[in-house]
Amino acid sequence: MNEKAKMLAGELYNPADSELAEMRLRARMLFEELNSVSQQDKLRRDRLIKQLFGSTGEQIQIESPFHCDYGENIHVGENFFANFGCVILDVAEVRFGNNCMLAPQVGIYTATHPLNPVERRSGREYAKPIAIGNDCWIGGMAVINPGVSLGNNVVVASGAVVTKSFGDNVVLAGNPARVIRTINSES
């Protein structure tokens, strides 16, 4: 199994692998260009986002600056919005449903490292996918950690650190994030 296959399978892999380094460089070149293109040039920005991401809906807006690892492991549904300073470490797949909004400086991190210091010093790492449902809003400076799944209609408060998965119709806050209220999805 090559390093990319190991990475996508959630196994320990070597991020210094030449194929992976080339993929990261491609992503950096695309988001560097995206970050330099005027917001007035929506067609060019949309084209760059669609080149960078694995899949997108038609309506997508990303404020610059934006950063990611590979880009191709990011999949967003219709009507996606990411505000200034968003970072998505998409070593594993990151999937967003429809109508998702990310406030400024949101961090979504699939990448993780071994707890054992000898393994960690080896430079090998692994990742766990993240899935975010439809109609989610992630507040400013919130962090979504590796392996987290969020259901539909989830609101993550500003500054929350989400370390585990949650179902539908909840508001999460704190570090570690916990449910602080439920949402009546019919109103």
C-alpha atoms as a PDB file:
ATOM      1  CA  MET A   1       0.000   0.000   0.000  1.00  0.00           C
ATOM      2  CA  ASN A   2       1.471   3.393  -0.938  1.00  0.00           C
ATOM      3  CA  GLU A   3       1.648   6.329   1.498  1.00  0.00           C
ATOM      4  CA  LYS A   4      -1.402   8.090   0.034  1.00  0.00           C
ATOM      5  CA  ALA A   5      -3.515   4.941   0.424  1.00  0.00           C
ATOM      6  CA  LYS A   6      -2.293   4.555   4.015  1.00  0.00           C
ATOM      7  CA  MET A   7      -3.117   8.203   4.704  1.00  0.00           C
ATOM      8  CA  LEU A   8      -6.657   7.911   3.343  1.00  0.00           C
ATOM      9  CA  ALA A   9      -7.184   4.612   5.208  1.00  0.00           C
ATOM     10  CA  GLY A  10      -6.348   6.272   8.535  1.00  0.00           C
ATOM     11  CA  GLU A  11      -3.118   4.299   8.982  1.00  0.00           C
ATOM     12  CA  LEU A  12       0.280   5.655   9.969  1.00  0.00           C
ATOM     13  CA  TYR A  13       1.926   7.097   6.877  1.00  0.00           C
ATOM     14  CA  ASN A  14       4.989   9.126   5.935  1.00  0.00           C
ATOM     15  CA  PRO A  15       3.964  12.721   5.057  1.00  0.00           C
ATOM     16  CA  ALA A  16       7.396  13.302   3.465  1.00  0.00           C
ATOM     17  CA  ASP A  17       6.448  10.914   0.634  1.00  0.00           C
ATOM     18  CA  SER A  18       7.117  12.591  -2.726  1.00  0.00           C
ATOM     19  CA  GLU A  19       3.576  12.054  -4.075  1.00  0.00           C
ATOM     20  CA  LEU A  20       2.051  13.610  -0.965  1.00  0.00           C
ATOM     21  CA  ALA A  21       4.530  16.496  -1.036  1.00  0.00           C
ATOM     22  CA  GLU A  22       3.589  17.164  -4.656  1.00  0.00           C
ATOM     23  CA  MET A  23      -0.124  17.088  -3.787  1.00  0.00           C
ATOM     24  CA  ARG A  24       0.398  19.566  -0.934  1.00  0.00           C
ATOM     25  CA  LEU A  25       2.378  21.862  -3.219  1.00  0.00           C
ATOM     26  CA  ARG A  26      -0.447  21.786  -5.794  1.00  0.00           C
ATOM     27  CA  ALA A  27      -2.943  22.747  -3.071  1.00  0.00           C
ATOM     28  CA  ARG A  28      -0.706  25.546  -1.808  1.00  0.00           C
ATOM     29  CA  MET A  29      -0.307  26.975  -5.285  1.00  0.00           C
ATOM     30  CA  LEU A  30      -4.088  26.972  -5.752  1.00  0.00           C
ATOM     31  CA  PHE A  31      -4.954  28.533  -2.390  1.00  0.00           C
ATOM     32  CA  GLU A  32      -2.105  31.027  -2.762  1.00  0.00           C
ATOM     33  CA  GLU A  33      -3.681  32.152  -6.035  1.00  0.00           C
ATOM     34  CA  LEU A  34      -7.171  32.118  -4.483  1.00  0.00           C
ATOM     35  CA  ASN A  35      -5.944  34.275  -1.611  1.00  0.00           C
ATOM     36  CA  SER A  36      -4.552  36.833  -4.061  1.00  0.00           C
ATOM     37  CA  VAL A  37      -7.640  37.096  -6.304  1.00  0.00           C
ATOM     38  CA  SER A  38     -10.039  39.981  -5.681  1.00  0.00           C
ATOM     39  CA  GLN A  39     -13.425  39.183  -4.189  1.00  0.00           C
ATOM     40  CA  GLN A  40     -14.824  41.057  -7.195  1.00  0.00           C
ATOM     41  CA  ASP A  41     -13.582  38.291  -9.511  1.00  0.00           C
ATOM     42  CA  LYS A  42     -16.117  35.703  -8.331  1.00  0.00           C
ATOM     43  CA  LEU A  43     -15.863  33.544 -11.467  1.00  0.00           C
ATOM     44  CA  ARG A  44     -12.103  33.099 -11.084  1.00  0.00           C
ATOM     45  CA  ARG A  45     -12.403  32.466  -7.334  1.00  0.00           C
ATOM     46  CA  ASP A  46     -15.128  29.862  -7.924  1.00  0.00           C
ATOM     47  CA  ARG A  47     -12.993  28.162 -10.586  1.00  0.00           C
ATOM     48  CA  LEU A  48     -10.013  27.973  -8.209  1.00  0.00           C
ATOM     49  CA  ILE A  49     -12.126  26.576  -5.363  1.00  0.00           C
ATOM     50  CA  LYS A  50     -13.592  23.926  -7.660  1.00  0.00           C
ATOM     51  CA  GLN A  51     -10.063  22.994  -8.801  1.00  0.00           C
ATOM     52  CA  LEU A  52      -8.857  22.812  -5.200  1.00  0.00           C
ATOM     53  CA  PHE A  53     -11.729  20.904  -3.563  1.00  0.00           C
ATOM     54  CA  GLY A  54     -12.736  17.318  -4.245  1.00  0.00           C
ATOM     55  CA  SER A  55     -16.357  18.356  -4.846  1.00  0.00           C
ATOM     56  CA  THR A  56     -18.582  21.389  -4.317  1.00  0.00           C
ATOM     57  CA  GLY A  57     -22.090  22.622  -4.803  1.00  0.00           C
ATOM     58  CA  GLU A  58     -22.733  25.498  -7.195  1.00  0.00           C
ATOM     59  CA  GLN A  59     -22.998  28.209  -4.529  1.00  0.00           C
ATOM     60  CA  ILE A  60     -19.743  28.517  -2.602  1.00  0.00           C
ATOM     61  CA  GLN A  61     -17.936  31.447  -1.044  1.00  0.00           C
ATOM     62  CA  ILE A  62     -14.600  31.462   0.744  1.00  0.00           C
ATOM     63  CA  GLU A  63     -13.127  34.633   2.188  1.00  0.00           C
ATOM     64  CA  SER A  64      -9.358  34.959   2.042  1.00  0.00           C
ATOM     65  CA  PRO A  65      -7.102  33.922   3.550  1.00  0.00           C
ATOM     66  CA  PHE A  66      -7.931  30.239   3.340  1.00  0.00           C
ATOM     67  CA  HIS A  67      -5.503  27.339   3.913  1.00  0.00           C
ATOM     68  CA  CYS A  68      -5.669  23.553   3.616  1.00  0.00           C
ATOM     69  CA  ASP A  69      -3.379  20.541   3.240  1.00  0.00           C
ATOM     70  CA  TYR A  70      -4.564  18.793   0.075  1.00  0.00           C
ATOM     71  CA  GLY A  71      -7.874  20.352  -0.923  1.00  0.00           C
ATOM     72  CA  GLU A  72      -9.003  17.308  -2.868  1.00  0.00           C
ATOM     73  CA  ASN A  73     -10.166  15.639   0.358  1.00  0.00           C
ATOM     74  CA  ILE A  74     -12.622  18.491   1.055  1.00  0.00           C
ATOM     75  CA  HIS A  75     -16.205  17.993  -0.130  1.00  0.00           C
ATOM     76  CA  VAL A  76     -18.806  20.726   0.396  1.00  0.00           C
ATOM     77  CA  GLY A  77     -22.487  20.767  -0.395  1.00  0.00           C
ATOM     78  CA  GLU A  78     -24.612  23.557  -1.802  1.00  0.00           C
ATOM     79  CA  ASN A  79     -24.456  27.051  -0.287  1.00  0.00           C
ATOM     80  CA  PHE A  80     -21.137  26.719   1.582  1.00  0.00           C
ATOM     81  CA  PHE A  81     -19.514  29.747   3.224  1.00  0.00           C
ATOM     82  CA  ALA A  82     -16.149  30.021   4.993  1.00  0.00           C
ATOM     83  CA  ASN A  83     -15.160  33.339   6.521  1.00  0.00           C
ATOM     84  CA  PHE A  84     -11.659  34.838   6.913  1.00  0.00           C
ATOM     85  CA  GLY A  85      -8.800  32.684   8.185  1.00  0.00           C
ATOM     86  CA  CYS A  86     -10.342  29.222   7.816  1.00  0.00           C
ATOM     87  CA  VAL A  87      -7.888  26.306   8.025  1.00  0.00           C
ATOM     88  CA  ILE A  88      -8.914  22.796   6.968  1.00  0.00           C
ATOM     89  CA  LEU A  89      -6.260  20.117   7.447  1.00  0.00           C
ATOM     90  CA  ASP A  90      -7.756  17.580   5.076  1.00  0.00           C
ATOM     91  CA  VAL A  91      -5.334  14.696   5.485  1.00  0.00           C
ATOM     92  CA  ALA A  92      -8.469  12.558   5.691  1.00  0.00           C
ATOM     93  CA  GLU A  93     -11.793  13.347   4.069  1.00  0.00           C
ATOM     94  CA  VAL A  94     -13.766  16.371   5.307  1.00  0.00           C
ATOM     95  CA  ARG A  95     -17.421  16.442   4.230  1.00  0.00           C
ATOM     96  CA  PHE A  96     -19.900  19.272   4.708  1.00  0.00           C
ATOM     97  CA  GLY A  97     -23.594  19.012   3.917  1.00  0.00           C
ATOM     98  CA  ASN A  98     -25.667  21.804   2.387  1.00  0.00           C
ATOM     99  CA  ASN A  99     -26.038  25.288   3.885  1.00  0.00           C
ATOM    100  CA  CYS A 100     -22.970  25.232   6.121  1.00  0.00           C
ATOM    101  CA  MET A 101     -21.300  28.372   7.418  1.00  0.00           C
ATOM    102  CA  LEU A 102     -17.885  28.755   9.034  1.00  0.00           C
ATOM    103  CA  ALA A 103     -17.158  31.940  10.972  1.00  0.00           C
ATOM    104  CA  PRO A 104     -13.693  33.561  11.007  1.00  0.00           C
ATOM    105  CA  GLN A 105     -10.659  31.527  12.033  1.00  0.00           C
ATOM    106  CA  VAL A 106     -12.390  28.155  12.237  1.00  0.00           C
ATOM    107  CA  GLY A 107      -9.986  25.198  12.362  1.00  0.00           C
ATOM    108  CA  ILE A 108     -10.985  21.761  11.072  1.00  0.00           C
ATOM    109  CA  TYR A 109      -8.242  19.240  11.691  1.00  0.00           C
ATOM    110  CA  THR A 110      -8.241  15.616  10.512  1.00  0.00           C
ATOM    111  CA  ALA A 111      -4.495  15.225  11.079  1.00  0.00           C
ATOM    112  CA  THR A 112      -3.234  13.667  14.285  1.00  0.00           C
ATOM    113  CA  HIS A 113      -0.059  12.123  15.654  1.00  0.00           C
ATOM    114  CA  PRO A 114       0.857   9.059  17.711  1.00  0.00           C
ATOM    115  CA  LEU A 115       0.731   9.429  21.483  1.00  0.00           C
ATOM    116  CA  ASN A 116       3.869   7.331  21.870  1.00  0.00           C
ATOM    117  CA  PRO A 117       6.864   9.718  21.693  1.00  0.00           C
ATOM    118  CA  VAL A 118       9.081   7.259  19.795  1.00  0.00           C
ATOM    119  CA  GLU A 119       6.423   6.822  17.097  1.00  0.00           C
ATOM    120  CA  ARG A 120       5.777  10.574  17.064  1.00  0.00           C
ATOM    121  CA  ARG A 121       9.494  11.329  16.540  1.00  0.00           C
ATOM    122  CA  SER A 122       9.459   9.037  13.504  1.00  0.00           C
ATOM    123  CA  GLY A 123       7.523  11.774  11.675  1.00  0.00           C
ATOM    124  CA  ARG A 124       4.754   9.397  10.716  1.00  0.00           C
ATOM    125  CA  GLU A 125       1.220  10.568  11.329  1.00  0.00           C
ATOM    126  CA  TYR A 126      -2.352   9.522  10.655  1.00  0.00           C
ATOM    127  CA  ALA A 127      -5.761  11.101  10.235  1.00  0.00           C
ATOM    128  CA  LYS A 128      -9.412  10.607  11.026  1.00  0.00           C
ATOM    129  CA  PRO A 129     -12.211  11.908   8.743  1.00  0.00           C
ATOM    130  CA  ILE A 130     -14.627  14.660   9.742  1.00  0.00           C
ATOM    131  CA  ALA A 131     -18.279  14.851   8.649  1.00  0.00           C
ATOM    132  CA  ILE A 132     -20.526  17.859   9.185  1.00  0.00           C
ATOM    133  CA  GLY A 133     -24.224  17.617   8.328  1.00  0.00           C
ATOM    134  CA  ASN A 134     -26.618  20.045   6.646  1.00  0.00           C
ATOM    135  CA  ASP A 135     -27.463  23.489   8.042  1.00  0.00           C
ATOM    136  CA  CYS A 136     -24.500  23.716  10.413  1.00  0.00           C
ATOM    137  CA  TRP A 137     -22.938  26.913  11.697  1.00  0.00           C
ATOM    138  CA  ILE A 138     -19.495  26.824  13.262  1.00  0.00           C
ATOM    139  CA  GLY A 139     -18.635  29.929  15.287  1.00  0.00           C
ATOM    140  CA  GLY A 140     -15.445  31.971  15.209  1.00  0.00           C
ATOM    141  CA  MET A 141     -12.241  30.330  16.384  1.00  0.00           C
ATOM    142  CA  ALA A 142     -13.995  27.003  16.985  1.00  0.00           C
ATOM    143  CA  VAL A 143     -11.952  23.840  16.444  1.00  0.00           C
ATOM    144  CA  ILE A 144     -13.263  20.536  15.112  1.00  0.00           C
ATOM    145  CA  ASN A 145     -10.894  17.693  16.030  1.00  0.00           C
ATOM    146  CA  PRO A 146     -10.045  14.495  14.096  1.00  0.00           C
ATOM    147  CA  GLY A 147     -12.788  11.886  13.772  1.00  0.00           C
ATOM    148  CA  VAL A 148     -15.695  14.160  14.718  1.00  0.00           C
ATOM    149  CA  SER A 149     -19.103  13.855  13.035  1.00  0.00           C
ATOM    150  CA  LEU A 150     -21.781  16.478  13.555  1.00  0.00           C
ATOM    151  CA  GLY A 151     -25.408  15.893  12.637  1.00  0.00           C
ATOM    152  CA  ASN A 152     -27.783  18.269  10.879  1.00  0.00           C
ATOM    153  CA  ASN A 153     -28.622  21.709  12.271  1.00  0.00           C
ATOM    154  CA  VAL A 154     -25.710  21.876  14.705  1.00  0.00           C
ATOM    155  CA  VAL A 155     -24.434  25.227  15.980  1.00  0.00           C
ATOM    156  CA  VAL A 156     -20.936  25.327  17.433  1.00  0.00           C
ATOM    157  CA  ALA A 157     -20.327  28.372  19.649  1.00  0.00           C
ATOM    158  CA  SER A 158     -17.321  30.608  19.165  1.00  0.00           C
ATOM    159  CA  GLY A 159     -14.169  29.206  20.702  1.00  0.00           C
ATOM    160  CA  ALA A 160     -15.594  25.715  21.241  1.00  0.00           C
ATOM    161  CA  VAL A 161     -13.280  22.720  20.891  1.00  0.00           C
ATOM    162  CA  VAL A 162     -15.258  19.775  19.538  1.00  0.00           C
ATOM    163  CA  THR A 163     -13.526  16.538  20.568  1.00  0.00           C
ATOM    164  CA  LYS A 164     -16.349  14.031  20.014  1.00  0.00           C
ATOM    165  CA  SER A 165     -19.333  13.495  17.737  1.00  0.00           C
ATOM    166  CA  PHE A 166     -22.840  14.881  18.267  1.00  0.00           C
ATOM    167  CA  GLY A 167     -26.232  14.277  16.647  1.00  0.00           C
ATOM    168  CA  ASP A 168     -28.797  16.678  15.161  1.00  0.00           C
ATOM    169  CA  ASN A 169     -30.310  19.916  16.470  1.00  0.00           C
ATOM    170  CA  VAL A 170     -27.886  20.910  19.217  1.00  0.00           C
ATOM    171  CA  VAL A 171     -25.856  23.937  20.253  1.00  0.00           C
ATOM    172  CA  LEU A 172     -22.343  23.065  21.406  1.00  0.00           C
ATOM    173  CA  ALA A 173     -20.058  25.232  23.535  1.00  0.00           C
ATOM    174  CA  GLY A 174     -16.978  24.963  25.712  1.00  0.00           C
ATOM    175  CA  ASN A 175     -13.705  23.078  25.854  1.00  0.00           C
ATOM    176  CA  PRO A 176     -14.317  20.257  25.454  1.00  0.00           C
ATOM    177  CA  ALA A 177     -17.584  21.105  23.713  1.00  0.00           C
ATOM    178  CA  ARG A 178     -20.805  19.889  25.249  1.00  0.00           C
ATOM    179  CA  VAL A 179     -24.488  20.357  24.451  1.00  0.00           C
ATOM    180  CA  ILE A 180     -25.779  23.553  26.034  1.00  0.00           C
ATOM    181  CA  ARG A 181     -29.215  23.433  24.415  1.00  0.00           C
ATOM    182  CA  THR A 182     -31.305  21.654  21.833  1.00  0.00           C
ATOM    183  CA  ILE A 183     -32.802  23.355  18.793  1.00  0.00           C
ATOM    184  CA  ASN A 184     -36.421  23.040  17.755  1.00  0.00           C
ATOM    185  CA  SER A 185     -35.859  22.415  14.052  1.00  0.00           C
ATOM    186  CA  GLU A 186     -39.489  23.177  13.181  1.00  0.00           C
ATOM    187  CA  SER A 187     -39.361  26.873  14.102  1.00  0.00           C
END
